[in-house]
Amino acid sequence: MHTMESVTHDDLTTPSNDFDTTKKFVRVIEERSDGFVEFAFAIGDPELEVELLMYASAFEEFCTINQVVMIDSDEHPAAWGLHDAREWLAKDHDPLTPPPTYGDIN
C-alpha cells in the first residue's frame, strides 16, 4: 500500500543535533474495517507525535503530499499510544492503576 521511505528503530535512536522540520514521519496504528486509518504523525522528531484518523484515500494523499517516512509500529518505542490505552481501559482494569509501559502490554 505504501511506497514511501522506511526506517527502523535503530535509525530513530541515533542522536542528532538537527531538528529537521522538512522530515515528516508516519506510523500506522490501525487500518480499520470502516475505511479509516489511525496513525501517528510527527515533524522533525519521530518521538514527538500526534495521533490522527483519516479515510484511507485521504491518508494516502496526506502521506504523498507530506513526503513522509514510514515507521514500523512494531519497532518504535512509542508504539504504545492512545489506541492501546483505550484497549487497556476496556479490559476492566482499575482506572486508578497506571497503564503499563511499552513492552509490558497485556
C-alpha atoms as a PDB file:
ATOM      1  CA  MET A   1       0.000   0.000   0.000  1.00  0.00           C
ATOM      2  CA  HIS A   2       2.750   2.486   0.932  1.00  0.00           C
ATOM      3  CA  THR A   3       5.761   3.201  -1.274  1.00  0.00           C
ATOM      4  CA  MET A   4       7.438   5.785   0.956  1.00  0.00           C
ATOM      5  CA  GLU A   5      10.888   5.502   2.577  1.00  0.00           C
ATOM      6  CA  SER A   6      11.005   3.268   5.683  1.00  0.00           C
ATOM      7  CA  VAL A   7      13.229   3.389   8.757  1.00  0.00           C
ATOM      8  CA  THR A   8      13.960   1.053  11.662  1.00  0.00           C
ATOM      9  CA  HIS A   9      14.019   1.738  15.391  1.00  0.00           C
ATOM     10  CA  ASP A  10      17.844   1.884  15.291  1.00  0.00           C
ATOM     11  CA  ASP A  11      17.652   4.689  12.721  1.00  0.00           C
ATOM     12  CA  LEU A  12      15.384   6.628  15.084  1.00  0.00           C
ATOM     13  CA  THR A  13      17.536   6.279  18.202  1.00  0.00           C
ATOM     14  CA  THR A  14      20.754   7.663  16.724  1.00  0.00           C
ATOM     15  CA  PRO A  15      21.310  11.024  18.463  1.00  0.00           C
ATOM     16  CA  SER A  16      21.039  14.032  16.220  1.00  0.00           C
ATOM     17  CA  ASN A  17      21.515  17.717  16.892  1.00  0.00           C
ATOM     18  CA  ASP A  18      19.445  18.568  13.838  1.00  0.00           C
ATOM     19  CA  PHE A  19      15.724  19.133  14.149  1.00  0.00           C
ATOM     20  CA  ASP A  20      14.762  18.964  10.501  1.00  0.00           C
ATOM     21  CA  THR A  21      11.233  20.289  10.013  1.00  0.00           C
ATOM     22  CA  THR A  22      11.257  19.012   6.444  1.00  0.00           C
ATOM     23  CA  LYS A  23      11.325  15.391   7.738  1.00  0.00           C
ATOM     24  CA  LYS A  24       7.852  14.045   8.441  1.00  0.00           C
ATOM     25  CA  PHE A  25       7.077  10.642   9.907  1.00  0.00           C
ATOM     26  CA  VAL A  26       4.018   8.384   9.893  1.00  0.00           C
ATOM     27  CA  ARG A  27       3.401   5.256  11.937  1.00  0.00           C
ATOM     28  CA  VAL A  28       0.238   3.337  11.042  1.00  0.00           C
ATOM     29  CA  ILE A  29      -1.573   2.200  14.166  1.00  0.00           C
ATOM     30  CA  GLU A  30      -4.591   0.507  12.591  1.00  0.00           C
ATOM     31  CA  GLU A  31      -6.247   0.175   9.202  1.00  0.00           C
ATOM     32  CA  ARG A  32      -9.854  -0.087  10.342  1.00  0.00           C
ATOM     33  CA  SER A  33     -12.688  -2.023   8.730  1.00  0.00           C
ATOM     34  CA  ASP A  34     -14.762   1.182   8.388  1.00  0.00           C
ATOM     35  CA  GLY A  35     -12.235   2.609   5.897  1.00  0.00           C
ATOM     36  CA  PHE A  36     -10.339   4.819   8.326  1.00  0.00           C
ATOM     37  CA  VAL A  37      -6.606   4.705   9.006  1.00  0.00           C
ATOM     38  CA  GLU A  38      -5.494   5.536  12.541  1.00  0.00           C
ATOM     39  CA  PHE A  39      -1.902   6.776  12.540  1.00  0.00           C
ATOM     40  CA  ALA A  40       0.738   8.797  14.360  1.00  0.00           C
ATOM     41  CA  PHE A  41       2.269  11.818  12.622  1.00  0.00           C
ATOM     42  CA  ALA A  42       5.476  13.627  13.597  1.00  0.00           C
ATOM     43  CA  ILE A  43       7.513  16.514  12.199  1.00  0.00           C
ATOM     44  CA  GLY A  44      11.262  16.737  12.800  1.00  0.00           C
ATOM     45  CA  ASP A  45      11.412  14.160  15.594  1.00  0.00           C
ATOM     46  CA  PRO A  46       9.566  10.836  15.278  1.00  0.00           C
ATOM     47  CA  GLU A  47       9.194  10.579  19.046  1.00  0.00           C
ATOM     48  CA  LEU A  48       7.056  13.766  19.213  1.00  0.00           C
ATOM     49  CA  GLU A  49       3.897  12.587  17.543  1.00  0.00           C
ATOM     50  CA  VAL A  50       0.163  13.166  17.406  1.00  0.00           C
ATOM     51  CA  GLU A  51      -2.426  10.533  16.609  1.00  0.00           C
ATOM     52  CA  LEU A  52      -4.758  11.212  13.686  1.00  0.00           C
ATOM     53  CA  LEU A  53      -7.618   9.458  11.908  1.00  0.00           C
ATOM     54  CA  MET A  54      -8.412   9.802   8.183  1.00  0.00           C
ATOM     55  CA  TYR A  55     -10.183   7.933   5.428  1.00  0.00           C
ATOM     56  CA  ALA A  56      -7.703   5.656   3.624  1.00  0.00           C
ATOM     57  CA  SER A  57      -7.792   7.763   0.438  1.00  0.00           C
ATOM     58  CA  ALA A  58      -7.141  10.982   2.390  1.00  0.00           C
ATOM     59  CA  PHE A  59      -4.364   9.225   4.327  1.00  0.00           C
ATOM     60  CA  GLU A  60      -2.630   8.193   1.091  1.00  0.00           C
ATOM     61  CA  GLU A  61      -2.857  11.752  -0.231  1.00  0.00           C
ATOM     62  CA  PHE A  62      -1.633  13.162   3.109  1.00  0.00           C
ATOM     63  CA  CYS A  63       1.416  10.853   3.038  1.00  0.00           C
ATOM     64  CA  THR A  64       2.220  11.727  -0.571  1.00  0.00           C
ATOM     65  CA  ILE A  65       1.880  15.491  -0.103  1.00  0.00           C
ATOM     66  CA  ASN A  66       3.996  15.436   3.074  1.00  0.00           C
ATOM     67  CA  GLN A  67       6.589  13.001   1.650  1.00  0.00           C
ATOM     68  CA  VAL A  68       6.529  11.050   4.896  1.00  0.00           C
ATOM     69  CA  VAL A  69       8.957   8.457   6.182  1.00  0.00           C
ATOM     70  CA  MET A  70       7.021   5.348   7.264  1.00  0.00           C
ATOM     71  CA  ILE A  71       7.926   3.966  10.696  1.00  0.00           C
ATOM     72  CA  ASP A  72       7.335   0.313  11.576  1.00  0.00           C
ATOM     73  CA  SER A  73       4.949   0.239  14.566  1.00  0.00           C
ATOM     74  CA  ASP A  74       6.484  -2.943  15.978  1.00  0.00           C
ATOM     75  CA  GLU A  75       9.934  -1.370  16.299  1.00  0.00           C
ATOM     76  CA  HIS A  76       9.023   2.114  17.508  1.00  0.00           C
ATOM     77  CA  PRO A  77       9.354   2.760  21.262  1.00  0.00           C
ATOM     78  CA  ALA A  78       6.267   4.999  21.259  1.00  0.00           C
ATOM     79  CA  ALA A  79       4.120   2.288  19.690  1.00  0.00           C
ATOM     80  CA  TRP A  80       2.016   2.094  22.842  1.00  0.00           C
ATOM     81  CA  GLY A  81      -0.321   5.023  22.346  1.00  0.00           C
ATOM     82  CA  LEU A  82      -3.907   6.162  22.692  1.00  0.00           C
ATOM     83  CA  HIS A  83      -5.241   3.178  20.745  1.00  0.00           C
ATOM     84  CA  ASP A  84      -3.597   0.785  23.211  1.00  0.00           C
ATOM     85  CA  ALA A  85      -4.736   2.893  26.172  1.00  0.00           C
ATOM     86  CA  ARG A  86      -8.362   2.572  25.031  1.00  0.00           C
ATOM     87  CA  GLU A  87      -7.929  -1.187  24.608  1.00  0.00           C
ATOM     88  CA  TRP A  88      -6.303  -1.475  28.026  1.00  0.00           C
ATOM     89  CA  LEU A  89      -9.061   0.522  29.754  1.00  0.00           C
ATOM     90  CA  ALA A  90     -11.743  -1.539  28.022  1.00  0.00           C
ATOM     91  CA  LYS A  91     -10.422  -4.708  29.719  1.00  0.00           C
ATOM     92  CA  ASP A  92     -11.902  -3.836  33.142  1.00  0.00           C
ATOM     93  CA  HIS A  93      -8.696  -2.512  34.661  1.00  0.00           C
ATOM     94  CA  ASP A  94      -8.830  -0.375  37.773  1.00  0.00           C
ATOM     95  CA  PRO A  95      -8.868   3.231  36.423  1.00  0.00           C
ATOM     96  CA  LEU A  96      -6.610   4.328  39.303  1.00  0.00           C
ATOM     97  CA  THR A  97      -3.897   1.837  38.336  1.00  0.00           C
ATOM     98  CA  PRO A  98      -1.442   3.355  35.845  1.00  0.00           C
ATOM     99  CA  PRO A  99      -1.281   1.703  32.416  1.00  0.00           C
ATOM    100  CA  PRO A 100       1.700  -0.489  31.537  1.00  0.00           C
ATOM    101  CA  THR A 101       4.800   0.908  29.909  1.00  0.00           C
ATOM    102  CA  TYR A 102       5.900  -0.052  26.414  1.00  0.00           C
ATOM    103  CA  GLY A 103       6.836  -3.731  26.393  1.00  0.00           C
ATOM    104  CA  ASP A 104       4.563  -4.611  29.363  1.00  0.00           C
ATOM    105  CA  ILE A 105       1.262  -4.543  27.465  1.00  0.00           C
ATOM    106  CA  ASN A 106      -1.195  -7.361  28.363  1.00  0.00           C
END
